[in-house]
Amino acid sequence: WIPAAVATGISALFFVAAVSLIGCLCARRRLDVASDCIRESCAVMVAMPSLLLLPVLDSLCYLLLSAALLLSLPLMLSSTEVSSVTVLGITGVFRQFHLSVADYGRLTALVFSCFWLQEVIGAACTLATAYSVALW
C-alpha cells in the first residue's frame, strides 16, 4: 500500500501544480497589473521615505488611545457604588460594583468613542497617504 500512497501523493502534487499553472496563465493580465502597482508603490516609497513613518505614527496614536481607555475605565468605575461581599465568613476582602443605568451609558459611550476615534485615526492616515501619493 506504500507505493500506492506515494503514487497518489505525487499525482496530487502534479494536479496542484497543473491547476496553479492554469490559474497563473488565466490571471496573467491581473498579475501584470498587480506587479505594476507594486512597482509604482515602491517608486513612491523611494521618492518619499517620510511615508515609512506613517504606520509608526498610526500605531503610536492607537497605543495612546488604548492607554487613555485603560486609564479612564478605572476612573469611571471608581465613581460607582461599591459594597463588600462576605465569603466564608470573611467580610470586606472582596468588593462588588453596583452599576446604575447611567454608569452603563457612560461606559458604553466611552467604549464607542474609543472605537470611533480609532477609525478616525485610521482614516486620517489613509487620507494622508492618498494625498501625498496624489501630489507625487
N, C-alpha and C. Protein backbone atom coordinates (compact mmCIF):
# COMPACT_ATOMS: atom_id res chain seq x y z
N TRP A 1 0.82 -1.19 0.00
CA TRP A 1 0.00 0.00 0.00
C TRP A 1 0.86 1.24 0.00
N ILE A 2 2.14 1.16 0.36
CA ILE A 2 3.03 2.33 0.38
C ILE A 2 3.27 2.87 -1.03
N PRO A 3 3.53 2.02 -2.05
CA PRO A 3 3.70 2.58 -3.40
C PRO A 3 2.43 3.27 -3.90
N ALA A 4 1.27 2.77 -3.51
CA ALA A 4 0.02 3.41 -3.93
C ALA A 4 -0.12 4.78 -3.27
N ALA A 5 0.27 4.90 -2.01
CA ALA A 5 0.19 6.19 -1.31
C ALA A 5 1.17 7.18 -1.90
N VAL A 6 2.38 6.71 -2.25
CA VAL A 6 3.38 7.59 -2.86
C VAL A 6 2.89 8.05 -4.23
N ALA A 7 2.33 7.12 -5.01
CA ALA A 7 1.81 7.48 -6.34
C ALA A 7 0.65 8.46 -6.22
N THR A 8 -0.19 8.27 -5.23
CA THR A 8 -1.31 9.19 -5.02
C THR A 8 -0.80 10.57 -4.62
N GLY A 9 0.19 10.62 -3.75
CA GLY A 9 0.76 11.91 -3.34
C GLY A 9 1.43 12.63 -4.49
N ILE A 10 2.18 11.90 -5.31
CA ILE A 10 2.85 12.52 -6.47
C ILE A 10 1.82 13.02 -7.47
N SER A 11 0.79 12.23 -7.71
CA SER A 11 -0.23 12.67 -8.66
C SER A 11 -0.99 13.88 -8.12
N ALA A 12 -1.19 13.95 -6.81
CA ALA A 12 -1.86 15.12 -6.22
C ALA A 12 -0.98 16.35 -6.37
N LEU A 13 0.33 16.21 -6.18
CA LEU A 13 1.24 17.35 -6.38
C LEU A 13 1.22 17.82 -7.82
N PHE A 14 1.24 16.88 -8.78
CA PHE A 14 1.16 17.26 -10.20
C PHE A 14 -0.15 17.96 -10.51
N PHE A 15 -1.24 17.48 -9.90
CA PHE A 15 -2.54 18.10 -10.13
C PHE A 15 -2.56 19.54 -9.59
N VAL A 16 -2.04 19.74 -8.39
CA VAL A 16 -1.98 21.09 -7.81
C VAL A 16 -1.10 21.99 -8.65
N ALA A 17 0.03 21.47 -9.13
CA ALA A 17 0.92 22.26 -9.98
C ALA A 17 0.24 22.63 -11.29
N ALA A 18 -0.50 21.69 -11.88
CA ALA A 18 -1.20 21.97 -13.14
C ALA A 18 -2.29 23.01 -12.93
N VAL A 19 -3.05 22.90 -11.86
CA VAL A 19 -4.11 23.87 -11.58
C VAL A 19 -3.50 25.25 -11.31
N SER A 20 -2.37 25.30 -10.60
CA SER A 20 -1.70 26.58 -10.34
C SER A 20 -1.19 27.19 -11.62
N LEU A 21 -0.63 26.38 -12.50
CA LEU A 21 -0.13 26.89 -13.79
C LEU A 21 -1.28 27.42 -14.64
N ILE A 22 -2.38 26.72 -14.67
CA ILE A 22 -3.54 27.19 -15.44
C ILE A 22 -4.08 28.48 -14.83
N GLY A 23 -4.12 28.55 -13.51
CA GLY A 23 -4.57 29.79 -12.85
C GLY A 23 -3.67 30.96 -13.16
N CYS A 24 -2.37 30.74 -13.16
CA CYS A 24 -1.43 31.82 -13.49
C CYS A 24 -1.57 32.26 -14.93
N LEU A 25 -1.78 31.31 -15.83
CA LEU A 25 -1.95 31.67 -17.24
C LEU A 25 -3.25 32.43 -17.46
N CYS A 26 -4.30 32.04 -16.75
CA CYS A 26 -5.59 32.74 -16.89
C CYS A 26 -5.54 34.13 -16.26
N ALA A 27 -4.77 34.28 -15.21
CA ALA A 27 -4.72 35.55 -14.49
C ALA A 27 -3.48 36.37 -14.87
N ARG A 28 -2.94 36.13 -16.04
CA ARG A 28 -1.71 36.84 -16.44
C ARG A 28 -1.91 38.34 -16.47
N ARG A 29 -3.02 38.79 -17.00
CA ARG A 29 -3.28 40.24 -17.05
C ARG A 29 -3.38 40.81 -15.64
N ARG A 30 -4.04 40.13 -14.75
CA ARG A 30 -4.17 40.60 -13.37
C ARG A 30 -2.81 40.63 -12.68
N LEU A 31 -2.00 39.62 -12.95
CA LEU A 31 -0.66 39.60 -12.35
C LEU A 31 0.20 40.74 -12.88
N ASP A 32 0.05 41.07 -14.17
CA ASP A 32 0.79 42.21 -14.72
C ASP A 32 0.37 43.51 -14.06
N VAL A 33 -0.93 43.68 -13.87
CA VAL A 33 -1.43 44.89 -13.21
C VAL A 33 -0.95 44.95 -11.76
N ALA A 34 -0.99 43.82 -11.07
CA ALA A 34 -0.54 43.78 -9.68
C ALA A 34 0.95 44.09 -9.57
N SER A 35 1.75 43.56 -10.48
CA SER A 35 3.19 43.85 -10.42
C SER A 35 3.46 45.31 -10.77
N ASP A 36 2.68 45.89 -11.67
CA ASP A 36 2.83 47.33 -11.96
C ASP A 36 2.47 48.18 -10.74
N CYS A 37 1.43 47.79 -10.02
CA CYS A 37 1.04 48.52 -8.80
C CYS A 37 2.14 48.44 -7.75
N ILE A 38 2.72 47.27 -7.60
CA ILE A 38 3.80 47.12 -6.62
C ILE A 38 5.02 47.93 -7.05
N ARG A 39 5.33 47.93 -8.34
CA ARG A 39 6.46 48.70 -8.83
C ARG A 39 6.26 50.20 -8.57
N GLU A 40 5.05 50.71 -8.82
CA GLU A 40 4.78 52.13 -8.60
C GLU A 40 4.78 52.48 -7.11
N SER A 41 4.27 51.57 -6.28
CA SER A 41 4.28 51.87 -4.85
C SER A 41 5.71 51.87 -4.31
N CYS A 42 6.57 51.03 -4.85
CA CYS A 42 7.98 51.07 -4.44
C CYS A 42 8.63 52.37 -4.90
N ALA A 43 8.25 52.85 -6.09
CA ALA A 43 8.80 54.13 -6.57
C ALA A 43 8.34 55.27 -5.67
N VAL A 44 7.10 55.22 -5.20
CA VAL A 44 6.60 56.25 -4.29
C VAL A 44 7.37 56.22 -2.98
N MET A 45 7.60 55.02 -2.45
CA MET A 45 8.34 54.91 -1.18
C MET A 45 9.77 55.39 -1.31
N VAL A 46 10.38 55.15 -2.47
CA VAL A 46 11.75 55.64 -2.67
C VAL A 46 11.75 57.15 -2.80
N ALA A 47 10.72 57.70 -3.44
CA ALA A 47 10.66 59.16 -3.63
C ALA A 47 10.29 59.89 -2.35
N MET A 48 9.45 59.27 -1.51
CA MET A 48 9.00 59.91 -0.26
C MET A 48 9.23 58.97 0.92
N PRO A 49 10.44 58.90 1.44
CA PRO A 49 10.68 57.98 2.56
C PRO A 49 9.97 58.38 3.85
N SER A 50 9.44 59.60 3.90
CA SER A 50 8.71 60.01 5.11
C SER A 50 7.42 59.21 5.28
N LEU A 51 6.93 58.60 4.20
CA LEU A 51 5.73 57.77 4.31
C LEU A 51 5.98 56.51 5.14
N LEU A 52 7.25 56.15 5.31
CA LEU A 52 7.55 54.98 6.12
C LEU A 52 7.27 55.23 7.60
N LEU A 53 7.24 56.49 8.01
CA LEU A 53 6.97 56.82 9.40
C LEU A 53 5.47 56.85 9.72
N LEU A 54 4.64 56.88 8.69
CA LEU A 54 3.19 56.98 8.91
C LEU A 54 2.62 55.78 9.67
N PRO A 55 2.98 54.55 9.37
CA PRO A 55 2.46 53.44 10.19
C PRO A 55 2.94 53.49 11.64
N VAL A 56 4.15 54.01 11.86
CA VAL A 56 4.64 54.15 13.23
C VAL A 56 3.80 55.18 13.97
N LEU A 57 3.51 56.30 13.31
CA LEU A 57 2.67 57.33 13.91
C LEU A 57 1.26 56.80 14.17
N ASP A 58 0.75 56.04 13.23
CA ASP A 58 -0.58 55.44 13.38
C ASP A 58 -0.61 54.50 14.59
N SER A 59 0.39 53.66 14.72
CA SER A 59 0.46 52.74 15.86
C SER A 59 0.62 53.49 17.18
N LEU A 60 1.38 54.56 17.17
CA LEU A 60 1.56 55.36 18.38
C LEU A 60 0.24 56.00 18.81
N CYS A 61 -0.52 56.49 17.85
CA CYS A 61 -1.84 57.07 18.17
C CYS A 61 -2.78 56.01 18.73
N TYR A 62 -2.77 54.80 18.14
CA TYR A 62 -3.60 53.72 18.66
C TYR A 62 -3.18 53.35 20.08
N LEU A 63 -1.88 53.33 20.33
CA LEU A 63 -1.38 52.99 21.66
C LEU A 63 -1.80 54.03 22.69
N LEU A 64 -1.71 55.31 22.34
CA LEU A 64 -2.13 56.36 23.26
C LEU A 64 -3.63 56.31 23.53
N LEU A 65 -4.40 56.02 22.49
CA LEU A 65 -5.84 55.91 22.66
C LEU A 65 -6.21 54.72 23.55
N SER A 66 -5.52 53.61 23.36
CA SER A 66 -5.77 52.44 24.21
C SER A 66 -5.37 52.72 25.65
N ALA A 67 -4.27 53.45 25.84
CA ALA A 67 -3.86 53.81 27.20
C ALA A 67 -4.89 54.72 27.86
N ALA A 68 -5.43 55.65 27.07
CA ALA A 68 -6.47 56.54 27.62
C ALA A 68 -7.70 55.74 28.03
N LEU A 69 -8.06 54.74 27.23
CA LEU A 69 -9.21 53.90 27.59
C LEU A 69 -8.91 53.10 28.85
N LEU A 70 -7.72 52.52 28.93
CA LEU A 70 -7.39 51.72 30.11
C LEU A 70 -7.28 52.57 31.37
N LEU A 71 -6.91 53.83 31.23
CA LEU A 71 -6.83 54.70 32.40
C LEU A 71 -8.18 55.29 32.78
N SER A 72 -9.06 55.51 31.81
CA SER A 72 -10.34 56.13 32.11
C SER A 72 -11.37 55.13 32.63
N LEU A 73 -11.26 53.86 32.26
CA LEU A 73 -12.22 52.88 32.78
C LEU A 73 -12.13 52.73 34.30
N PRO A 74 -10.95 52.58 34.90
CA PRO A 74 -10.91 52.51 36.37
C PRO A 74 -11.39 53.80 37.03
N LEU A 75 -11.09 54.94 36.40
CA LEU A 75 -11.59 56.19 36.97
C LEU A 75 -13.11 56.24 36.96
N MET A 76 -13.70 55.77 35.90
CA MET A 76 -15.16 55.77 35.81
C MET A 76 -15.76 54.75 36.76
N LEU A 77 -15.13 53.58 36.89
CA LEU A 77 -15.65 52.57 37.80
C LEU A 77 -15.48 52.96 39.26
N SER A 78 -14.49 53.80 39.55
CA SER A 78 -14.28 54.21 40.94
C SER A 78 -15.38 55.15 41.43
N SER A 79 -16.16 55.71 40.53
CA SER A 79 -17.23 56.61 40.96
C SER A 79 -18.56 55.88 41.18
N THR A 80 -18.58 54.57 41.01
CA THR A 80 -19.82 53.82 41.22
C THR A 80 -19.92 53.37 42.67
N GLU A 81 -21.09 52.87 43.04
CA GLU A 81 -21.32 52.40 44.40
C GLU A 81 -20.70 51.01 44.57
N VAL A 82 -19.95 50.83 45.65
CA VAL A 82 -19.25 49.58 45.91
C VAL A 82 -19.70 49.06 47.27
N SER A 83 -19.94 47.74 47.35
CA SER A 83 -20.30 47.14 48.64
C SER A 83 -19.39 45.93 48.88
N SER A 84 -19.21 45.59 50.14
CA SER A 84 -18.36 44.45 50.48
C SER A 84 -19.16 43.16 50.37
N VAL A 85 -18.46 42.09 50.10
CA VAL A 85 -19.08 40.78 49.96
C VAL A 85 -18.49 39.86 51.04
N THR A 86 -19.34 39.04 51.66
CA THR A 86 -18.89 38.09 52.66
C THR A 86 -18.66 36.74 52.00
N VAL A 87 -17.41 36.24 52.12
CA VAL A 87 -17.07 34.94 51.56
C VAL A 87 -16.43 34.12 52.66
N LEU A 88 -17.01 32.97 52.97
CA LEU A 88 -16.52 32.07 54.02
C LEU A 88 -16.36 32.77 55.36
N GLY A 89 -17.28 33.66 55.66
CA GLY A 89 -17.27 34.35 56.94
C GLY A 89 -16.34 35.55 56.99
N ILE A 90 -15.65 35.85 55.92
CA ILE A 90 -14.73 37.00 55.89
C ILE A 90 -15.41 38.10 55.09
N THR A 91 -15.53 39.26 55.71
CA THR A 91 -16.20 40.38 55.07
C THR A 91 -15.17 41.46 54.73
N GLY A 92 -15.31 42.03 53.54
CA GLY A 92 -14.50 43.19 53.19
C GLY A 92 -13.34 42.91 52.27
N VAL A 93 -12.99 41.66 52.05
CA VAL A 93 -11.86 41.36 51.15
C VAL A 93 -12.30 41.53 49.70
N PHE A 94 -13.47 41.02 49.39
CA PHE A 94 -13.99 41.12 48.03
C PHE A 94 -15.00 42.26 47.95
N ARG A 95 -15.04 42.92 46.81
CA ARG A 95 -15.96 44.04 46.58
C ARG A 95 -16.86 43.74 45.39
N GLN A 96 -18.02 44.39 45.39
CA GLN A 96 -18.97 44.23 44.31
C GLN A 96 -19.42 45.60 43.83
N PHE A 97 -19.37 45.83 42.51
CA PHE A 97 -19.82 47.09 41.92
C PHE A 97 -21.32 47.03 41.69
N HIS A 98 -21.98 48.14 41.97
CA HIS A 98 -23.41 48.28 41.67
C HIS A 98 -23.53 49.39 40.64
N LEU A 99 -23.63 49.00 39.38
CA LEU A 99 -23.69 49.98 38.29
C LEU A 99 -25.13 50.38 38.03
N SER A 100 -25.34 51.67 37.88
CA SER A 100 -26.67 52.16 37.52
C SER A 100 -26.79 52.23 36.00
N VAL A 101 -27.97 52.59 35.53
CA VAL A 101 -28.18 52.72 34.09
C VAL A 101 -27.30 53.83 33.52
N ALA A 102 -27.11 54.90 34.28
CA ALA A 102 -26.25 55.99 33.82
C ALA A 102 -24.79 55.54 33.72
N ASP A 103 -24.36 54.68 34.65
CA ASP A 103 -22.99 54.16 34.58
C ASP A 103 -22.80 53.29 33.34
N TYR A 104 -23.78 52.44 33.06
CA TYR A 104 -23.71 51.63 31.84
C TYR A 104 -23.67 52.52 30.60
N GLY A 105 -24.45 53.59 30.61
CA GLY A 105 -24.45 54.52 29.48
C GLY A 105 -23.10 55.20 29.32
N ARG A 106 -22.49 55.62 30.43
CA ARG A 106 -21.16 56.25 30.35
C ARG A 106 -20.10 55.28 29.85
N LEU A 107 -20.14 54.04 30.34
CA LEU A 107 -19.17 53.05 29.88
C LEU A 107 -19.35 52.73 28.40
N THR A 108 -20.60 52.62 27.97
CA THR A 108 -20.89 52.36 26.56
C THR A 108 -20.41 53.51 25.69
N ALA A 109 -20.67 54.74 26.13
CA ALA A 109 -20.23 55.91 25.37
C ALA A 109 -18.71 55.99 25.30
N LEU A 110 -18.04 55.63 26.38
CA LEU A 110 -16.57 55.66 26.39
C LEU A 110 -15.99 54.63 25.42
N VAL A 111 -16.50 53.43 25.45
CA VAL A 111 -16.00 52.38 24.55
C VAL A 111 -16.32 52.74 23.10
N PHE A 112 -17.53 53.23 22.85
CA PHE A 112 -17.90 53.63 21.49
C PHE A 112 -17.02 54.77 20.99
N SER A 113 -16.75 55.76 21.85
CA SER A 113 -15.91 56.88 21.41
C SER A 113 -14.49 56.44 21.13
N CYS A 114 -13.98 55.47 21.89
CA CYS A 114 -12.63 54.97 21.61
C CYS A 114 -12.58 54.23 20.27
N PHE A 115 -13.58 53.41 20.00
CA PHE A 115 -13.62 52.74 18.69
C PHE A 115 -13.77 53.77 17.57
N TRP A 116 -14.60 54.77 17.78
CA TRP A 116 -14.81 55.79 16.76
C TRP A 116 -13.52 56.57 16.51
N LEU A 117 -12.81 56.92 17.57
CA LEU A 117 -11.55 57.64 17.40
C LEU A 117 -10.50 56.78 16.71
N GLN A 118 -10.50 55.49 16.93
CA GLN A 118 -9.58 54.62 16.21
C GLN A 118 -9.87 54.64 14.72
N GLU A 119 -11.14 54.64 14.36
CA GLU A 119 -11.49 54.72 12.94
C GLU A 119 -11.12 56.07 12.34
N VAL A 120 -11.27 57.14 13.10
CA VAL A 120 -10.88 58.47 12.62
C VAL A 120 -9.37 58.53 12.39
N ILE A 121 -8.60 57.96 13.31
CA ILE A 121 -7.14 57.95 13.15
C ILE A 121 -6.75 57.14 11.91
N GLY A 122 -7.35 55.98 11.73
CA GLY A 122 -7.07 55.17 10.54
C GLY A 122 -7.44 55.89 9.26
N ALA A 123 -8.58 56.58 9.25
CA ALA A 123 -8.99 57.32 8.06
C ALA A 123 -8.06 58.49 7.79
N ALA A 124 -7.59 59.16 8.84
CA ALA A 124 -6.66 60.28 8.65
C ALA A 124 -5.33 59.81 8.08
N CYS A 125 -4.85 58.66 8.55
CA CYS A 125 -3.60 58.13 8.00
C CYS A 125 -3.77 57.69 6.55
N THR A 126 -4.91 57.09 6.23
CA THR A 126 -5.17 56.71 4.85
C THR A 126 -5.29 57.95 3.95
N LEU A 127 -5.94 59.00 4.45
CA LEU A 127 -6.05 60.24 3.69
C LEU A 127 -4.69 60.87 3.48
N ALA A 128 -3.85 60.87 4.50
CA ALA A 128 -2.51 61.45 4.36
C ALA A 128 -1.70 60.69 3.32
N THR A 129 -1.81 59.38 3.33
CA THR A 129 -1.09 58.57 2.34
C THR A 129 -1.61 58.85 0.94
N ALA A 130 -2.92 58.85 0.78
CA ALA A 130 -3.50 59.07 -0.55
C ALA A 130 -3.20 60.48 -1.07
N TYR A 131 -3.25 61.47 -0.19
CA TYR A 131 -3.00 62.84 -0.61
C TYR A 131 -1.54 63.03 -1.03
N SER A 132 -0.62 62.47 -0.27
CA SER A 132 0.79 62.65 -0.62
C SER A 132 1.14 61.87 -1.89
N VAL A 133 0.51 60.72 -2.11
CA VAL A 133 0.75 59.98 -3.35
C VAL A 133 0.13 60.73 -4.54
N ALA A 134 -1.03 61.35 -4.33
CA ALA A 134 -1.66 62.12 -5.42
C ALA A 134 -0.82 63.33 -5.78
N LEU A 135 -0.19 63.97 -4.79
CA LEU A 135 0.68 65.11 -5.08
C LEU A 135 1.97 64.69 -5.77
N TRP A 136 2.40 63.47 -5.52
CA TRP A 136 3.64 62.97 -6.10
C TRP A 136 3.45 62.81 -7.59
